[in-house]
Amino acid sequence: MITTMSTKRYHLGCSGWSYGDWLGKFYSQDCPPEKMLVEYAKYFDSVEINMSFYRLPYEGMVKGWMAKTPEYFIFCPKMSRKITHMKRLESVEEDLSVFIGRLDLLGEKLGPILIQLPPAMKLDFDKFESFLAALPSNHKYAIEFRNQSWITS
């Protein structure tokens, strides 16, 4: 069965909203940083949160994002590098709980969580299956495999 865009919900967005080089091109030249998300949300209905890869967003920050976006808007956070790159998916249950617990503050605005694996991480089914089993099943995930070994026949 072929699904058309008119019967399926798609989201369109970018990998962030706070870019100085967008001033005068996407944003007005004098748009202050605290207004960028409000302006961004007038044209797009989703955005990747790249900063969550580097550090856990503060609770107030998450609540601010909620207040600045319409109810249909979704955020797609990138999973913490502590989980994916430093611990390499092993012994991450507590880290997952903290990370997802904070992002659950987004409620219905929490879209898929992007799991970007390190380029050097080779295929390891056992490790990957253990990691998948640790993920809460009530969330959506998108996985970016970056090593050729994950592409098998």
N, C-alpha and C. Protein backbone atom coordinates (compact mmCIF):
# COMPACT_ATOMS: atom_id res chain seq x y z
N MET A 1 0.83 -1.17 0.00
CA MET A 1 0.00 0.00 0.00
C MET A 1 0.88 1.24 0.00
N ILE A 2 0.60 2.17 -0.86
CA ILE A 2 1.35 3.41 -0.94
C ILE A 2 0.65 4.48 -0.12
N THR A 3 1.41 5.14 0.72
CA THR A 3 0.87 6.21 1.55
C THR A 3 1.28 7.55 0.95
N THR A 4 0.33 8.44 0.81
CA THR A 4 0.65 9.76 0.28
C THR A 4 0.87 10.73 1.42
N MET A 5 1.47 11.86 1.11
CA MET A 5 1.73 12.87 2.13
C MET A 5 0.43 13.39 2.73
N SER A 6 -0.65 13.32 1.99
CA SER A 6 -1.91 13.86 2.51
C SER A 6 -2.53 12.96 3.59
N THR A 7 -2.10 11.70 3.69
CA THR A 7 -2.68 10.80 4.69
C THR A 7 -1.70 10.45 5.81
N LYS A 8 -0.48 10.91 5.72
CA LYS A 8 0.53 10.59 6.73
C LYS A 8 1.13 11.89 7.27
N ARG A 9 1.40 11.93 8.55
CA ARG A 9 1.95 13.13 9.19
C ARG A 9 3.47 13.14 9.07
N TYR A 10 3.99 14.18 8.47
CA TYR A 10 5.42 14.39 8.34
C TYR A 10 5.81 15.65 9.10
N HIS A 11 7.02 15.66 9.59
CA HIS A 11 7.55 16.84 10.26
C HIS A 11 8.75 17.34 9.48
N LEU A 12 8.89 18.64 9.42
CA LEU A 12 9.99 19.25 8.70
C LEU A 12 10.74 20.16 9.65
N GLY A 13 12.06 20.00 9.69
CA GLY A 13 12.84 20.83 10.59
C GLY A 13 14.32 20.77 10.26
N CYS A 14 15.11 21.44 11.08
CA CYS A 14 16.56 21.53 10.90
C CYS A 14 17.27 20.95 12.12
N SER A 15 18.59 20.94 12.06
CA SER A 15 19.38 20.36 13.15
C SER A 15 19.69 21.39 14.23
N GLY A 16 18.83 22.35 14.40
CA GLY A 16 18.99 23.38 15.42
C GLY A 16 18.30 24.65 14.98
N TRP A 17 18.30 25.65 15.86
CA TRP A 17 17.65 26.92 15.52
C TRP A 17 18.50 28.13 15.89
N SER A 18 19.54 27.93 16.67
CA SER A 18 20.30 29.05 17.21
C SER A 18 21.63 29.22 16.48
N TYR A 19 21.55 29.76 15.29
CA TYR A 19 22.74 29.94 14.46
C TYR A 19 22.91 31.41 14.10
N GLY A 20 24.01 32.00 14.52
CA GLY A 20 24.27 33.40 14.23
C GLY A 20 24.33 33.73 12.76
N ASP A 21 24.81 32.78 11.95
CA ASP A 21 24.90 33.07 10.52
C ASP A 21 23.55 33.02 9.81
N TRP A 22 22.48 32.70 10.54
CA TRP A 22 21.12 32.78 9.98
C TRP A 22 20.55 34.18 10.10
N LEU A 23 21.21 35.04 10.90
CA LEU A 23 20.75 36.42 11.05
C LEU A 23 20.86 37.13 9.71
N GLY A 24 19.79 37.81 9.33
CA GLY A 24 19.77 38.52 8.05
C GLY A 24 19.45 37.63 6.87
N LYS A 25 19.36 36.32 7.10
CA LYS A 25 19.01 35.37 6.04
C LYS A 25 17.68 34.68 6.36
N PHE A 26 17.63 34.03 7.50
CA PHE A 26 16.39 33.39 7.95
C PHE A 26 15.71 34.25 9.01
N TYR A 27 16.49 34.69 9.98
CA TYR A 27 15.99 35.59 11.02
C TYR A 27 16.26 37.03 10.59
N SER A 28 15.52 37.97 11.17
CA SER A 28 15.85 39.38 10.94
C SER A 28 17.25 39.64 11.51
N GLN A 29 17.91 40.62 11.00
CA GLN A 29 19.28 40.92 11.41
C GLN A 29 19.39 41.20 12.91
N ASP A 30 18.32 41.75 13.49
CA ASP A 30 18.36 42.13 14.90
C ASP A 30 17.61 41.15 15.82
N CYS A 31 17.33 39.95 15.34
CA CYS A 31 16.61 38.96 16.15
C CYS A 31 17.50 38.51 17.32
N PRO A 32 17.05 38.72 18.56
CA PRO A 32 17.85 38.27 19.71
C PRO A 32 17.78 36.75 19.86
N PRO A 33 18.82 36.13 20.42
CA PRO A 33 18.84 34.67 20.56
C PRO A 33 17.61 34.09 21.25
N GLU A 34 17.06 34.80 22.24
CA GLU A 34 15.90 34.27 22.96
C GLU A 34 14.62 34.26 22.13
N LYS A 35 14.63 34.91 20.97
CA LYS A 35 13.46 34.93 20.08
C LYS A 35 13.61 33.98 18.88
N MET A 36 14.79 33.40 18.73
CA MET A 36 15.06 32.57 17.55
C MET A 36 14.12 31.37 17.46
N LEU A 37 13.90 30.66 18.56
CA LEU A 37 13.04 29.48 18.52
C LEU A 37 11.61 29.87 18.17
N VAL A 38 11.12 30.97 18.71
CA VAL A 38 9.77 31.45 18.39
C VAL A 38 9.65 31.70 16.89
N GLU A 39 10.64 32.37 16.31
CA GLU A 39 10.63 32.66 14.87
C GLU A 39 10.77 31.38 14.06
N TYR A 40 11.67 30.51 14.47
CA TYR A 40 11.88 29.23 13.79
C TYR A 40 10.58 28.44 13.71
N ALA A 41 9.84 28.39 14.83
CA ALA A 41 8.61 27.59 14.92
C ALA A 41 7.48 28.14 14.05
N LYS A 42 7.64 29.30 13.48
CA LYS A 42 6.64 29.83 12.55
C LYS A 42 6.74 29.15 11.18
N TYR A 43 7.89 28.53 10.90
CA TYR A 43 8.14 27.94 9.58
C TYR A 43 8.34 26.43 9.62
N PHE A 44 8.77 25.90 10.75
CA PHE A 44 9.05 24.47 10.89
C PHE A 44 8.27 23.92 12.07
N ASP A 45 7.98 22.61 12.02
CA ASP A 45 7.24 22.00 13.14
C ASP A 45 8.06 20.98 13.92
N SER A 46 9.37 20.95 13.67
CA SER A 46 10.25 20.07 14.45
C SER A 46 11.67 20.61 14.40
N VAL A 47 12.48 20.15 15.34
CA VAL A 47 13.89 20.54 15.36
C VAL A 47 14.69 19.48 16.11
N GLU A 48 15.92 19.26 15.67
CA GLU A 48 16.84 18.40 16.40
C GLU A 48 17.47 19.22 17.53
N ILE A 49 17.60 18.60 18.69
CA ILE A 49 18.33 19.23 19.79
C ILE A 49 19.71 18.60 19.80
N ASN A 50 20.67 19.29 19.24
CA ASN A 50 22.03 18.78 19.15
C ASN A 50 22.79 18.96 20.46
N MET A 51 22.45 20.00 21.22
CA MET A 51 23.18 20.28 22.46
C MET A 51 23.04 19.16 23.48
N SER A 52 21.95 18.37 23.38
CA SER A 52 21.75 17.27 24.33
C SER A 52 22.80 16.17 24.16
N PHE A 53 23.50 16.18 23.05
CA PHE A 53 24.61 15.26 22.82
C PHE A 53 25.77 15.62 23.76
N TYR A 54 25.95 16.90 24.01
CA TYR A 54 27.08 17.40 24.79
C TYR A 54 26.78 17.59 26.27
N ARG A 55 25.54 17.98 26.59
CA ARG A 55 25.17 18.17 27.99
C ARG A 55 23.66 18.07 28.14
N LEU A 56 23.26 17.69 29.34
CA LEU A 56 21.84 17.56 29.65
C LEU A 56 21.22 18.95 29.76
N PRO A 57 20.14 19.22 29.02
CA PRO A 57 19.51 20.54 29.13
C PRO A 57 18.95 20.74 30.54
N TYR A 58 19.04 21.97 31.02
CA TYR A 58 18.46 22.31 32.32
C TYR A 58 16.95 22.21 32.23
N GLU A 59 16.32 21.93 33.37
CA GLU A 59 14.86 21.83 33.42
C GLU A 59 14.20 23.12 32.92
N GLY A 60 14.72 24.26 33.35
CA GLY A 60 14.17 25.55 32.92
C GLY A 60 14.31 25.77 31.43
N MET A 61 15.38 25.27 30.86
CA MET A 61 15.61 25.38 29.42
C MET A 61 14.53 24.60 28.67
N VAL A 62 14.28 23.38 29.11
CA VAL A 62 13.27 22.53 28.47
C VAL A 62 11.89 23.19 28.57
N LYS A 63 11.57 23.72 29.74
CA LYS A 63 10.28 24.39 29.91
C LYS A 63 10.18 25.63 29.03
N GLY A 64 11.28 26.33 28.83
CA GLY A 64 11.31 27.48 27.94
C GLY A 64 11.03 27.08 26.50
N TRP A 65 11.60 25.96 26.06
CA TRP A 65 11.34 25.47 24.70
C TRP A 65 9.86 25.16 24.53
N MET A 66 9.29 24.56 25.57
CA MET A 66 7.86 24.22 25.52
C MET A 66 7.01 25.48 25.33
N ALA A 67 7.34 26.51 26.09
CA ALA A 67 6.55 27.75 26.07
C ALA A 67 6.69 28.51 24.75
N LYS A 68 7.79 28.31 24.05
CA LYS A 68 8.06 29.08 22.83
C LYS A 68 7.59 28.41 21.55
N THR A 69 6.98 27.24 21.67
CA THR A 69 6.58 26.50 20.47
C THR A 69 5.11 26.12 20.53
N PRO A 70 4.49 25.98 19.34
CA PRO A 70 3.07 25.59 19.30
C PRO A 70 2.88 24.14 19.77
N GLU A 71 1.65 23.78 20.09
CA GLU A 71 1.37 22.46 20.67
C GLU A 71 1.74 21.31 19.75
N TYR A 72 1.74 21.51 18.43
CA TYR A 72 2.04 20.43 17.48
C TYR A 72 3.54 20.28 17.20
N PHE A 73 4.35 21.13 17.75
CA PHE A 73 5.80 21.15 17.51
C PHE A 73 6.45 19.97 18.21
N ILE A 74 7.48 19.37 17.59
CA ILE A 74 8.22 18.28 18.26
C ILE A 74 9.72 18.56 18.27
N PHE A 75 10.35 18.07 19.32
CA PHE A 75 11.79 18.17 19.49
C PHE A 75 12.39 16.78 19.36
N CYS A 76 13.49 16.67 18.64
CA CYS A 76 14.17 15.40 18.42
C CYS A 76 15.58 15.50 19.03
N PRO A 77 15.73 15.15 20.28
CA PRO A 77 17.03 15.29 20.93
C PRO A 77 18.02 14.22 20.48
N LYS A 78 19.28 14.61 20.40
CA LYS A 78 20.33 13.65 20.13
C LYS A 78 20.77 13.07 21.47
N MET A 79 20.85 11.74 21.52
CA MET A 79 21.22 11.07 22.76
C MET A 79 22.62 11.50 23.20
N SER A 80 22.80 11.55 24.50
CA SER A 80 24.06 11.97 25.11
C SER A 80 25.24 11.16 24.61
N ARG A 81 26.33 11.85 24.31
CA ARG A 81 27.56 11.17 23.89
C ARG A 81 28.13 10.32 25.01
N LYS A 82 27.78 10.63 26.26
CA LYS A 82 28.22 9.79 27.38
C LYS A 82 27.71 8.37 27.18
N ILE A 83 26.50 8.24 26.67
CA ILE A 83 25.88 6.93 26.45
C ILE A 83 26.42 6.28 25.18
N THR A 84 26.46 7.04 24.09
CA THR A 84 26.79 6.46 22.79
C THR A 84 28.29 6.38 22.50
N HIS A 85 29.04 7.41 22.87
CA HIS A 85 30.44 7.47 22.50
C HIS A 85 31.41 7.13 23.64
N MET A 86 31.08 7.54 24.85
CA MET A 86 31.99 7.29 25.97
C MET A 86 31.79 5.89 26.56
N LYS A 87 30.55 5.56 26.88
CA LYS A 87 30.26 4.23 27.43
C LYS A 87 29.98 3.21 26.33
N ARG A 88 29.84 3.67 25.12
CA ARG A 88 29.65 2.82 23.94
C ARG A 88 28.51 1.81 24.15
N LEU A 89 27.39 2.31 24.69
CA LEU A 89 26.13 1.58 24.88
C LEU A 89 26.15 0.56 26.01
N GLU A 90 27.23 0.50 26.79
CA GLU A 90 27.34 -0.50 27.85
C GLU A 90 27.16 0.12 29.24
N SER A 91 26.43 -0.57 30.10
CA SER A 91 26.19 -0.13 31.49
C SER A 91 25.65 1.30 31.52
N VAL A 92 24.58 1.52 30.75
CA VAL A 92 24.05 2.88 30.58
C VAL A 92 22.65 3.07 31.18
N GLU A 93 22.16 2.11 31.92
CA GLU A 93 20.78 2.18 32.42
C GLU A 93 20.53 3.45 33.23
N GLU A 94 21.42 3.78 34.16
CA GLU A 94 21.23 4.98 34.98
C GLU A 94 21.32 6.25 34.12
N ASP A 95 22.28 6.28 33.21
CA ASP A 95 22.43 7.45 32.33
C ASP A 95 21.20 7.62 31.44
N LEU A 96 20.66 6.51 30.94
CA LEU A 96 19.44 6.58 30.13
C LEU A 96 18.28 7.13 30.95
N SER A 97 18.17 6.69 32.19
CA SER A 97 17.09 7.14 33.05
C SER A 97 17.16 8.65 33.28
N VAL A 98 18.34 9.17 33.55
CA VAL A 98 18.51 10.61 33.77
C VAL A 98 18.24 11.38 32.48
N PHE A 99 18.81 10.93 31.38
CA PHE A 99 18.66 11.61 30.09
C PHE A 99 17.20 11.66 29.66
N ILE A 100 16.58 10.50 29.62
CA ILE A 100 15.19 10.44 29.15
C ILE A 100 14.24 11.08 30.16
N GLY A 101 14.55 10.96 31.44
CA GLY A 101 13.73 11.61 32.45
C GLY A 101 13.66 13.11 32.25
N ARG A 102 14.78 13.72 31.93
CA ARG A 102 14.79 15.16 31.69
C ARG A 102 14.01 15.51 30.43
N LEU A 103 14.21 14.75 29.38
CA LEU A 103 13.55 15.06 28.11
C LEU A 103 12.07 14.72 28.13
N ASP A 104 11.66 13.88 29.07
CA ASP A 104 10.23 13.60 29.22
C ASP A 104 9.45 14.85 29.63
N LEU A 105 10.16 15.86 30.11
CA LEU A 105 9.50 17.13 30.43
C LEU A 105 8.85 17.74 29.19
N LEU A 106 9.31 17.32 28.01
CA LEU A 106 8.73 17.81 26.76
C LEU A 106 7.34 17.24 26.51
N GLY A 107 6.97 16.19 27.21
CA GLY A 107 5.65 15.59 27.05
C GLY A 107 5.37 15.19 25.61
N GLU A 108 4.23 15.63 25.09
CA GLU A 108 3.82 15.29 23.72
C GLU A 108 4.72 15.91 22.67
N LYS A 109 5.56 16.84 23.07
CA LYS A 109 6.47 17.49 22.12
C LYS A 109 7.78 16.72 21.96
N LEU A 110 7.93 15.62 22.69
CA LEU A 110 9.13 14.80 22.53
C LEU A 110 8.96 13.90 21.33
N GLY A 111 9.77 14.13 20.31
CA GLY A 111 9.75 13.30 19.11
C GLY A 111 10.76 12.18 19.26
N PRO A 112 11.19 11.60 18.14
CA PRO A 112 12.17 10.52 18.21
C PRO A 112 13.50 11.00 18.79
N ILE A 113 14.12 10.15 19.56
CA ILE A 113 15.44 10.43 20.12
C ILE A 113 16.47 9.87 19.15
N LEU A 114 17.38 10.72 18.70
CA LEU A 114 18.40 10.31 17.73
C LEU A 114 19.57 9.66 18.45
N ILE A 115 19.83 8.42 18.09
CA ILE A 115 20.96 7.68 18.65
C ILE A 115 22.02 7.62 17.55
N GLN A 116 23.04 8.46 17.69
CA GLN A 116 24.10 8.52 16.68
C GLN A 116 25.29 7.72 17.21
N LEU A 117 25.57 6.61 16.54
CA LEU A 117 26.67 5.76 16.99
C LEU A 117 28.00 6.32 16.48
N PRO A 118 29.08 6.07 17.23
CA PRO A 118 30.39 6.56 16.80
C PRO A 118 30.84 5.90 15.50
N PRO A 119 31.59 6.61 14.67
CA PRO A 119 32.05 6.03 13.40
C PRO A 119 32.88 4.76 13.59
N ALA A 120 33.60 4.66 14.68
CA ALA A 120 34.46 3.49 14.91
C ALA A 120 33.72 2.32 15.55
N MET A 121 32.44 2.50 15.91
CA MET A 121 31.70 1.41 16.56
C MET A 121 31.26 0.39 15.53
N LYS A 122 31.86 -0.78 15.61
CA LYS A 122 31.54 -1.85 14.67
C LYS A 122 30.36 -2.67 15.15
N LEU A 123 29.78 -3.40 14.24
CA LEU A 123 28.62 -4.24 14.50
C LEU A 123 28.90 -5.20 15.66
N ASP A 124 28.02 -5.18 16.64
CA ASP A 124 28.08 -6.08 17.78
C ASP A 124 26.63 -6.31 18.21
N PHE A 125 26.02 -7.38 17.67
CA PHE A 125 24.60 -7.63 17.91
C PHE A 125 24.27 -7.78 19.40
N ASP A 126 25.10 -8.50 20.13
CA ASP A 126 24.81 -8.73 21.55
C ASP A 126 24.77 -7.41 22.32
N LYS A 127 25.78 -6.58 22.12
CA LYS A 127 25.83 -5.28 22.79
C LYS A 127 24.64 -4.42 22.38
N PHE A 128 24.34 -4.41 21.09
CA PHE A 128 23.26 -3.57 20.59
C PHE A 128 21.90 -4.05 21.10
N GLU A 129 21.68 -5.36 21.12
CA GLU A 129 20.42 -5.89 21.64
C GLU A 129 20.25 -5.59 23.13
N SER A 130 21.33 -5.67 23.89
CA SER A 130 21.27 -5.32 25.32
C SER A 130 20.91 -3.85 25.49
N PHE A 131 21.50 -3.00 24.67
CA PHE A 131 21.21 -1.57 24.72
C PHE A 131 19.75 -1.32 24.36
N LEU A 132 19.27 -1.94 23.29
CA LEU A 132 17.87 -1.75 22.88
C LEU A 132 16.92 -2.20 23.98
N ALA A 133 17.26 -3.28 24.67
CA ALA A 133 16.40 -3.77 25.75
C ALA A 133 16.33 -2.78 26.92
N ALA A 134 17.37 -1.96 27.08
CA ALA A 134 17.40 -0.98 28.17
C ALA A 134 16.62 0.29 27.84
N LEU A 135 16.28 0.48 26.56
CA LEU A 135 15.55 1.69 26.16
C LEU A 135 14.08 1.59 26.56
N PRO A 136 13.52 2.64 27.13
CA PRO A 136 12.09 2.63 27.43
C PRO A 136 11.27 2.42 26.15
N SER A 137 10.31 1.52 26.21
CA SER A 137 9.54 1.17 25.00
C SER A 137 8.47 2.20 24.65
N ASN A 138 8.24 3.16 25.52
CA ASN A 138 7.19 4.16 25.24
C ASN A 138 7.73 5.40 24.53
N HIS A 139 8.91 5.30 23.94
CA HIS A 139 9.52 6.39 23.19
C HIS A 139 9.84 5.93 21.78
N LYS A 140 10.06 6.90 20.90
CA LYS A 140 10.49 6.60 19.54
C LYS A 140 11.97 6.92 19.42
N TYR A 141 12.64 6.15 18.56
CA TYR A 141 14.08 6.32 18.39
C TYR A 141 14.43 6.29 16.91
N ALA A 142 15.47 7.03 16.56
CA ALA A 142 16.06 6.98 15.22
C ALA A 142 17.53 6.66 15.45
N ILE A 143 18.07 5.72 14.70
CA ILE A 143 19.45 5.29 14.92
C ILE A 143 20.27 5.59 13.68
N GLU A 144 21.41 6.24 13.91
CA GLU A 144 22.34 6.55 12.82
C GLU A 144 23.57 5.65 12.97
N PHE A 145 23.66 4.65 12.10
CA PHE A 145 24.82 3.77 12.06
C PHE A 145 25.87 4.45 11.19
N ARG A 146 27.10 4.56 11.69
CA ARG A 146 28.11 5.31 10.95
C ARG A 146 29.32 4.45 10.58
N ASN A 147 29.25 3.16 10.86
CA ASN A 147 30.34 2.27 10.51
C ASN A 147 29.84 1.26 9.47
N GLN A 148 30.63 1.04 8.47
CA GLN A 148 30.27 0.16 7.34
C GLN A 148 29.87 -1.25 7.80
N SER A 149 30.41 -1.72 8.92
CA SER A 149 30.13 -3.09 9.37
C SER A 149 28.66 -3.32 9.69
N TRP A 150 27.89 -2.25 9.93
CA TRP A 150 26.46 -2.40 10.24
C TRP A 150 25.65 -2.73 8.99
N ILE A 151 26.23 -2.53 7.84
CA ILE A 151 25.53 -2.83 6.58
C ILE A 151 25.89 -4.25 6.19
N THR A 152 24.95 -5.17 6.44
CA THR A 152 25.19 -6.59 6.16
C THR A 152 24.18 -7.08 5.15
N SER A 153 24.46 -8.23 4.57
CA SER A 153 23.55 -8.77 3.55
C SER A 153 22.40 -9.53 4.15
